[in-house]
């Protein structure tokens, strides 16, 4: 069965916090990476750099609420668009009860092999959220 949505409870670490007392904006890129890798691992037993080789070509992040050390949040990751050689992840960090959205972001990935763009693999196309 294909799991088109990956959710994980984030553990906010002390090192994620900046001098203003909230999660530093650069840390969200690492959080989103956890979601991308988690989505693939959830759906393939063959996860490796050889089977899923892509680079991030573009990212957008909207910071909607301040995230603090002891906030309990979930990261939800899906694939929302697939082109010929690229595909787009959607990342949302929300409260455990799902009522507050802290951050929303997208990441456009380009499928690569030997330094060249290649068509998006079928198993990634199969993860497209409807």
C-alpha atoms as a PDB file:
ATOM      1  CA  UNK A   1       0.000   0.000   0.000  1.00  0.00           C
ATOM      2  CA  UNK A   2       1.271   3.466  -0.891  1.00  0.00           C
ATOM      3  CA  UNK A   3       1.452   6.012   1.931  1.00  0.00           C
ATOM      4  CA  UNK A   4       1.072   9.418   0.274  1.00  0.00           C
ATOM      5  CA  UNK A   5       1.369  11.352   3.535  1.00  0.00           C
ATOM      6  CA  UNK A   6       4.250  11.145   5.984  1.00  0.00           C
ATOM      7  CA  UNK A   7       3.754  12.526   9.480  1.00  0.00           C
ATOM      8  CA  UNK A   8       6.291  12.625  12.273  1.00  0.00           C
ATOM      9  CA  UNK A   9       6.379  14.275  15.665  1.00  0.00           C
ATOM     10  CA  UNK A  10       9.319  16.665  15.659  1.00  0.00           C
ATOM     11  CA  UNK A  11      11.702  16.735  18.560  1.00  0.00           C
ATOM     12  CA  UNK A  12      12.807  20.334  18.926  1.00  0.00           C
ATOM     13  CA  UNK A  13      16.326  20.374  20.295  1.00  0.00           C
ATOM     14  CA  UNK A  14      17.945  23.040  22.403  1.00  0.00           C
ATOM     15  CA  UNK A  15      20.489  23.637  19.634  1.00  0.00           C
ATOM     16  CA  UNK A  16      17.596  24.567  17.272  1.00  0.00           C
ATOM     17  CA  UNK A  17      16.835  27.654  19.369  1.00  0.00           C
ATOM     18  CA  UNK A  18      18.366  31.032  18.569  1.00  0.00           C
ATOM     19  CA  UNK A  19      19.133  33.968  20.849  1.00  0.00           C
ATOM     20  CA  UNK A  20      15.531  35.188  20.555  1.00  0.00           C
ATOM     21  CA  UNK A  21      14.229  31.980  22.142  1.00  0.00           C
ATOM     22  CA  UNK A  22      12.575  30.428  19.100  1.00  0.00           C
ATOM     23  CA  UNK A  23      13.546  27.918  16.440  1.00  0.00           C
ATOM     24  CA  UNK A  24      15.968  29.572  14.021  1.00  0.00           C
ATOM     25  CA  UNK A  25      14.582  29.925  10.494  1.00  0.00           C
ATOM     26  CA  UNK A  26      17.448  27.919   8.939  1.00  0.00           C
ATOM     27  CA  UNK A  27      16.573  24.889  11.084  1.00  0.00           C
ATOM     28  CA  UNK A  28      13.268  24.455   9.250  1.00  0.00           C
ATOM     29  CA  UNK A  29      15.208  23.319   6.179  1.00  0.00           C
ATOM     30  CA  UNK A  30      16.552  20.392   8.228  1.00  0.00           C
ATOM     31  CA  UNK A  31      13.091  19.613   9.581  1.00  0.00           C
ATOM     32  CA  UNK A  32      11.720  19.479   6.036  1.00  0.00           C
ATOM     33  CA  UNK A  33      14.529  17.140   5.013  1.00  0.00           C
ATOM     34  CA  UNK A  34      13.397  14.730   7.748  1.00  0.00           C
ATOM     35  CA  UNK A  35       9.956  14.701   6.127  1.00  0.00           C
ATOM     36  CA  UNK A  36      11.241  14.116   2.596  1.00  0.00           C
ATOM     37  CA  UNK A  37      13.431  11.200   3.603  1.00  0.00           C
ATOM     38  CA  UNK A  38      10.661   9.818   5.823  1.00  0.00           C
ATOM     39  CA  UNK A  39       8.168   9.847   2.956  1.00  0.00           C
ATOM     40  CA  UNK A  40      10.516   7.844   0.763  1.00  0.00           C
ATOM     41  CA  UNK A  41      11.518   5.406   3.507  1.00  0.00           C
ATOM     42  CA  UNK A  42       7.854   4.818   4.281  1.00  0.00           C
ATOM     43  CA  UNK A  43       7.267   3.694   0.708  1.00  0.00           C
ATOM     44  CA  UNK A  44      10.350   1.783  -0.369  1.00  0.00           C
ATOM     45  CA  UNK A  45      12.492  -0.901   1.153  1.00  0.00           C
ATOM     46  CA  UNK A  46      15.178  -0.025  -1.356  1.00  0.00           C
ATOM     47  CA  UNK A  47      15.940   3.500  -0.175  1.00  0.00           C
ATOM     48  CA  UNK A  48      19.422   4.531  -1.194  1.00  0.00           C
ATOM     49  CA  UNK A  49      21.127   7.416  -2.931  1.00  0.00           C
ATOM     50  CA  UNK A  50      21.118   5.332  -6.107  1.00  0.00           C
ATOM     51  CA  UNK A  51      17.363   4.749  -6.085  1.00  0.00           C
ATOM     52  CA  UNK A  52      16.301   8.275  -5.094  1.00  0.00           C
ATOM     53  CA  UNK A  53      18.761  10.793  -6.444  1.00  0.00           C
ATOM     54  CA  UNK A  54      17.571  14.385  -6.505  1.00  0.00           C
ATOM     55  CA  UNK A  55      18.663  17.918  -5.729  1.00  0.00           C
ATOM     56  CA  UNK A  56      16.577  20.686  -4.237  1.00  0.00           C
ATOM     57  CA  UNK A  57      16.260  23.442  -6.838  1.00  0.00           C
ATOM     58  CA  UNK A  58      13.877  25.795  -5.035  1.00  0.00           C
ATOM     59  CA  UNK A  59      12.418  26.278  -1.549  1.00  0.00           C
ATOM     60  CA  UNK A  60       9.771  28.575  -0.134  1.00  0.00           C
ATOM     61  CA  UNK A  61       8.864  28.884   3.531  1.00  0.00           C
ATOM     62  CA  UNK A  62       6.138  30.891   5.235  1.00  0.00           C
ATOM     63  CA  UNK A  63       6.727  31.339   8.962  1.00  0.00           C
ATOM     64  CA  UNK A  64       3.234  31.726  10.412  1.00  0.00           C
ATOM     65  CA  UNK A  65       3.771  31.179  14.151  1.00  0.00           C
ATOM     66  CA  UNK A  66       6.841  31.223  16.360  1.00  0.00           C
ATOM     67  CA  UNK A  67       8.056  27.753  17.292  1.00  0.00           C
ATOM     68  CA  UNK A  68       9.598  27.281  20.755  1.00  0.00           C
ATOM     69  CA  UNK A  69      11.596  24.563  22.482  1.00  0.00           C
ATOM     70  CA  UNK A  70       8.740  22.754  24.224  1.00  0.00           C
ATOM     71  CA  UNK A  71       6.098  23.102  21.510  1.00  0.00           C
ATOM     72  CA  UNK A  72       4.700  19.738  20.470  1.00  0.00           C
ATOM     73  CA  UNK A  73       4.333  19.691  16.717  1.00  0.00           C
ATOM     74  CA  UNK A  74       3.873  17.366  13.769  1.00  0.00           C
ATOM     75  CA  UNK A  75       5.588  17.637  10.387  1.00  0.00           C
ATOM     76  CA  UNK A  76       3.370  16.535   7.491  1.00  0.00           C
ATOM     77  CA  UNK A  77       5.012  15.905   4.114  1.00  0.00           C
ATOM     78  CA  UNK A  78       3.381  15.109   0.763  1.00  0.00           C
ATOM     79  CA  UNK A  79       4.228  15.365  -2.921  1.00  0.00           C
ATOM     80  CA  UNK A  80       1.829  17.805  -4.564  1.00  0.00           C
ATOM     81  CA  UNK A  81       3.151  18.158  -8.115  1.00  0.00           C
ATOM     82  CA  UNK A  82       5.118  16.007 -10.532  1.00  0.00           C
ATOM     83  CA  UNK A  83       6.622  17.219 -13.789  1.00  0.00           C
ATOM     84  CA  UNK A  84       8.864  15.475 -16.277  1.00  0.00           C
ATOM     85  CA  UNK A  85      12.118  15.881 -14.311  1.00  0.00           C
ATOM     86  CA  UNK A  86      10.942  17.685 -11.177  1.00  0.00           C
ATOM     87  CA  UNK A  87       8.525  17.150  -8.323  1.00  0.00           C
ATOM     88  CA  UNK A  88       7.296  19.346  -5.479  1.00  0.00           C
ATOM     89  CA  UNK A  89       7.081  18.505  -1.796  1.00  0.00           C
ATOM     90  CA  UNK A  90       4.630  20.236   0.514  1.00  0.00           C
ATOM     91  CA  UNK A  91       5.701  20.570   4.167  1.00  0.00           C
ATOM     92  CA  UNK A  92       3.477  21.722   7.015  1.00  0.00           C
ATOM     93  CA  UNK A  93       4.442  21.983  10.658  1.00  0.00           C
ATOM     94  CA  UNK A  94       1.341  22.046  12.811  1.00  0.00           C
ATOM     95  CA  UNK A  95       0.342  21.594  16.418  1.00  0.00           C
ATOM     96  CA  UNK A  96      -0.289  18.032  17.578  1.00  0.00           C
ATOM     97  CA  UNK A  97      -4.029  18.647  17.616  1.00  0.00           C
ATOM     98  CA  UNK A  98      -3.813  20.131  14.099  1.00  0.00           C
ATOM     99  CA  UNK A  99      -5.415  23.471  14.856  1.00  0.00           C
ATOM    100  CA  UNK A 100      -2.411  25.775  14.502  1.00  0.00           C
ATOM    101  CA  UNK A 101      -0.081  25.875  11.525  1.00  0.00           C
ATOM    102  CA  UNK A 102       3.401  27.077  12.452  1.00  0.00           C
ATOM    103  CA  UNK A 103       5.135  26.815   9.113  1.00  0.00           C
ATOM    104  CA  UNK A 104       4.268  25.963   5.530  1.00  0.00           C
ATOM    105  CA  UNK A 105       6.870  25.318   2.883  1.00  0.00           C
ATOM    106  CA  UNK A 106       7.470  23.788  -0.505  1.00  0.00           C
ATOM    107  CA  UNK A 107      10.573  22.252  -1.995  1.00  0.00           C
ATOM    108  CA  UNK A 108      11.047  21.630  -5.706  1.00  0.00           C
ATOM    109  CA  UNK A 109      13.311  18.658  -6.358  1.00  0.00           C
ATOM    110  CA  UNK A 110      14.947  17.698  -9.648  1.00  0.00           C
ATOM    111  CA  UNK A 111      15.615  14.033 -10.399  1.00  0.00           C
ATOM    112  CA  UNK A 112      19.280  13.483 -11.247  1.00  0.00           C
ATOM    113  CA  UNK A 113      21.603  10.731 -12.391  1.00  0.00           C
ATOM    114  CA  UNK A 114      25.295  11.154 -13.128  1.00  0.00           C
ATOM    115  CA  UNK A 115      24.933  14.943 -12.875  1.00  0.00           C
ATOM    116  CA  UNK A 116      22.127  15.148 -15.463  1.00  0.00           C
ATOM    117  CA  UNK A 117      18.374  15.655 -15.151  1.00  0.00           C
ATOM    118  CA  UNK A 118      16.378  12.496 -15.663  1.00  0.00           C
ATOM    119  CA  UNK A 119      12.647  11.688 -15.727  1.00  0.00           C
ATOM    120  CA  UNK A 120      10.991  11.405 -12.325  1.00  0.00           C
ATOM    121  CA  UNK A 121      10.894   7.724 -11.289  1.00  0.00           C
ATOM    122  CA  UNK A 122       7.476   6.055 -11.345  1.00  0.00           C
ATOM    123  CA  UNK A 123       7.459   5.297  -7.615  1.00  0.00           C
ATOM    124  CA  UNK A 124       7.727   9.042  -6.928  1.00  0.00           C
ATOM    125  CA  UNK A 125       4.868   9.743  -9.350  1.00  0.00           C
ATOM    126  CA  UNK A 126       2.841   7.185  -7.400  1.00  0.00           C
ATOM    127  CA  UNK A 127       3.260   9.325  -4.243  1.00  0.00           C
ATOM    128  CA  UNK A 128       1.442  12.313  -5.765  1.00  0.00           C
ATOM    129  CA  UNK A 129      -1.226  13.373  -3.273  1.00  0.00           C
ATOM    130  CA  UNK A 130      -4.681  13.730  -4.743  1.00  0.00           C
END
